[in-house]
């Protein structure tokens, strides 16, 4: 069995109100908090206008 995880771990600090909304969404979707956060972040990044790495660095 291959147990290698190909995902990177990310740590976030969220305001209490955002965490509560995330927890409510996760419960409604029957997902874990981390799974719900990954799903929402992935969807948000998908709908954003794609930028190259150089554009992101120059914008910062």
N, C-alpha and C. Protein backbone atom coordinates (compact mmCIF):
# COMPACT_ATOMS: atom_id res chain seq x y z
N UNK A 1 0.84 -1.18 0.00
CA UNK A 1 0.00 0.00 0.00
C UNK A 1 0.89 1.24 0.00
N UNK A 2 0.59 2.20 -0.88
CA UNK A 2 1.34 3.44 -0.96
C UNK A 2 0.71 4.47 -0.03
N UNK A 3 1.44 4.85 1.00
CA UNK A 3 0.91 5.82 1.96
C UNK A 3 1.57 7.19 1.80
N UNK A 4 2.31 7.38 0.70
CA UNK A 4 2.99 8.66 0.48
C UNK A 4 1.95 9.75 0.21
N UNK A 5 2.07 10.84 0.94
CA UNK A 5 1.16 11.97 0.78
C UNK A 5 1.81 12.96 -0.18
N UNK A 6 1.13 13.29 -1.27
CA UNK A 6 1.71 14.20 -2.26
C UNK A 6 1.31 15.65 -2.00
N UNK A 7 0.51 15.90 -0.99
CA UNK A 7 0.09 17.27 -0.67
C UNK A 7 1.04 17.89 0.34
N UNK A 8 1.15 19.21 0.30
CA UNK A 8 1.93 19.94 1.28
C UNK A 8 1.01 20.43 2.39
N UNK A 9 1.52 20.46 3.58
CA UNK A 9 0.76 20.94 4.74
C UNK A 9 0.91 22.45 4.83
N UNK A 10 -0.20 23.12 5.12
CA UNK A 10 -0.22 24.57 5.28
C UNK A 10 -0.91 24.89 6.60
N UNK A 11 -0.37 25.84 7.33
CA UNK A 11 -0.97 26.26 8.59
C UNK A 11 -1.53 27.66 8.42
N UNK A 12 -2.78 27.85 8.86
CA UNK A 12 -3.44 29.15 8.76
C UNK A 12 -3.86 29.63 10.13
N UNK A 13 -3.92 30.93 10.28
CA UNK A 13 -4.54 31.55 11.45
C UNK A 13 -5.77 32.28 10.94
N UNK A 14 -6.93 31.90 11.44
CA UNK A 14 -8.19 32.49 10.99
C UNK A 14 -8.86 33.21 12.13
N UNK A 15 -9.49 34.35 11.84
CA UNK A 15 -10.29 34.99 12.88
C UNK A 15 -11.41 34.04 13.32
N UNK A 16 -11.85 34.19 14.55
CA UNK A 16 -12.87 33.28 15.08
C UNK A 16 -14.11 33.25 14.21
N UNK A 17 -14.55 34.39 13.70
CA UNK A 17 -15.76 34.42 12.88
C UNK A 17 -15.60 33.62 11.59
N UNK A 18 -14.41 33.67 10.99
CA UNK A 18 -14.16 32.90 9.76
C UNK A 18 -14.10 31.42 10.09
N UNK A 19 -13.44 31.07 11.21
CA UNK A 19 -13.37 29.67 11.61
C UNK A 19 -14.76 29.11 11.86
N UNK A 20 -15.61 29.89 12.50
CA UNK A 20 -16.97 29.43 12.77
C UNK A 20 -17.74 29.21 11.47
N UNK A 21 -17.56 30.10 10.52
CA UNK A 21 -18.23 29.93 9.21
C UNK A 21 -17.69 28.71 8.49
N UNK A 22 -16.38 28.51 8.56
CA UNK A 22 -15.76 27.34 7.94
C UNK A 22 -16.27 26.06 8.59
N UNK A 23 -16.36 26.05 9.91
CA UNK A 23 -16.87 24.87 10.62
C UNK A 23 -18.32 24.58 10.24
N UNK A 24 -19.14 25.63 10.11
CA UNK A 24 -20.54 25.44 9.71
C UNK A 24 -20.62 24.88 8.30
N UNK A 25 -19.79 25.40 7.40
CA UNK A 25 -19.76 24.89 6.02
C UNK A 25 -19.32 23.42 6.01
N UNK A 26 -18.27 23.13 6.75
CA UNK A 26 -17.74 21.76 6.80
C UNK A 26 -18.81 20.80 7.33
N UNK A 27 -19.50 21.18 8.38
CA UNK A 27 -20.55 20.32 8.95
C UNK A 27 -21.68 20.11 7.95
N UNK A 28 -22.07 21.19 7.27
CA UNK A 28 -23.14 21.10 6.28
C UNK A 28 -22.77 20.17 5.14
N UNK A 29 -21.50 20.19 4.74
CA UNK A 29 -21.02 19.37 3.64
C UNK A 29 -20.52 18.00 4.10
N UNK A 30 -20.58 17.76 5.41
CA UNK A 30 -20.08 16.51 6.00
C UNK A 30 -18.62 16.26 5.64
N UNK A 31 -17.82 17.31 5.85
CA UNK A 31 -16.39 17.27 5.59
C UNK A 31 -15.65 17.67 6.86
N UNK A 32 -14.38 17.37 6.90
CA UNK A 32 -13.56 17.87 7.99
C UNK A 32 -13.26 19.35 7.73
N UNK A 33 -12.84 20.04 8.77
CA UNK A 33 -12.49 21.45 8.61
C UNK A 33 -11.38 21.60 7.58
N UNK A 34 -10.35 20.79 7.68
CA UNK A 34 -9.22 20.93 6.76
C UNK A 34 -9.62 20.59 5.33
N UNK A 35 -10.45 19.58 5.16
CA UNK A 35 -10.90 19.22 3.82
C UNK A 35 -11.76 20.33 3.23
N UNK A 36 -12.64 20.91 4.03
CA UNK A 36 -13.48 22.01 3.56
C UNK A 36 -12.63 23.22 3.18
N UNK A 37 -11.63 23.53 4.00
CA UNK A 37 -10.75 24.66 3.71
C UNK A 37 -9.98 24.43 2.41
N UNK A 38 -9.48 23.23 2.21
CA UNK A 38 -8.76 22.92 0.98
C UNK A 38 -9.67 23.02 -0.23
N UNK A 39 -10.88 22.54 -0.09
CA UNK A 39 -11.85 22.61 -1.18
C UNK A 39 -12.16 24.06 -1.54
N UNK A 40 -12.46 24.88 -0.54
CA UNK A 40 -12.80 26.28 -0.78
C UNK A 40 -11.62 27.06 -1.35
N UNK A 41 -10.42 26.83 -0.83
CA UNK A 41 -9.25 27.52 -1.34
C UNK A 41 -8.97 27.11 -2.78
N UNK A 42 -9.06 25.83 -3.07
CA UNK A 42 -8.85 25.36 -4.43
C UNK A 42 -9.85 25.98 -5.40
N UNK A 43 -11.10 26.08 -5.00
CA UNK A 43 -12.12 26.68 -5.86
C UNK A 43 -11.86 28.17 -6.06
N UNK A 44 -11.48 28.86 -5.00
CA UNK A 44 -11.17 30.29 -5.11
C UNK A 44 -10.00 30.53 -6.06
N UNK A 45 -8.98 29.71 -5.97
CA UNK A 45 -7.83 29.86 -6.86
C UNK A 45 -8.18 29.50 -8.30
N UNK A 46 -9.08 28.56 -8.47
CA UNK A 46 -9.48 28.15 -9.82
C UNK A 46 -10.18 29.29 -10.56
N UNK A 47 -11.01 30.04 -9.85
CA UNK A 47 -11.78 31.09 -10.52
C UNK A 47 -11.01 32.40 -10.65
N UNK A 48 -9.89 32.52 -9.95
CA UNK A 48 -9.07 33.73 -10.09
C UNK A 48 -8.40 33.75 -11.45
N UNK A 49 -8.12 34.96 -11.93
CA UNK A 49 -7.37 35.10 -13.17
C UNK A 49 -5.96 34.52 -12.98
N UNK A 50 -5.58 33.59 -13.82
CA UNK A 50 -4.22 33.01 -13.69
C UNK A 50 -3.15 34.08 -13.89
N UNK A 51 -2.12 34.02 -13.06
CA UNK A 51 -0.98 34.92 -13.19
C UNK A 51 0.29 34.09 -13.23
N UNK A 52 1.28 34.61 -13.91
CA UNK A 52 2.57 33.93 -13.91
C UNK A 52 3.29 34.24 -12.61
N UNK A 53 4.31 33.48 -12.29
CA UNK A 53 5.10 33.72 -11.09
C UNK A 53 5.73 35.10 -11.14
N UNK A 54 6.21 35.53 -12.30
CA UNK A 54 6.84 36.84 -12.44
C UNK A 54 5.84 37.95 -12.16
N UNK A 55 4.61 37.82 -12.64
CA UNK A 55 3.59 38.84 -12.38
C UNK A 55 3.28 38.92 -10.90
N UNK A 56 3.23 37.78 -10.23
CA UNK A 56 2.93 37.75 -8.80
C UNK A 56 4.05 38.45 -8.02
N UNK A 57 5.31 38.21 -8.39
CA UNK A 57 6.45 38.83 -7.70
C UNK A 57 6.46 40.34 -7.95
N UNK A 58 6.22 40.76 -9.19
CA UNK A 58 6.23 42.18 -9.51
C UNK A 58 5.08 42.93 -8.85
N UNK A 59 4.00 42.27 -8.60
CA UNK A 59 2.83 42.91 -7.99
C UNK A 59 3.04 43.13 -6.48
N UNK A 60 3.85 42.27 -5.88
CA UNK A 60 4.06 42.35 -4.41
C UNK A 60 4.86 43.55 -4.00
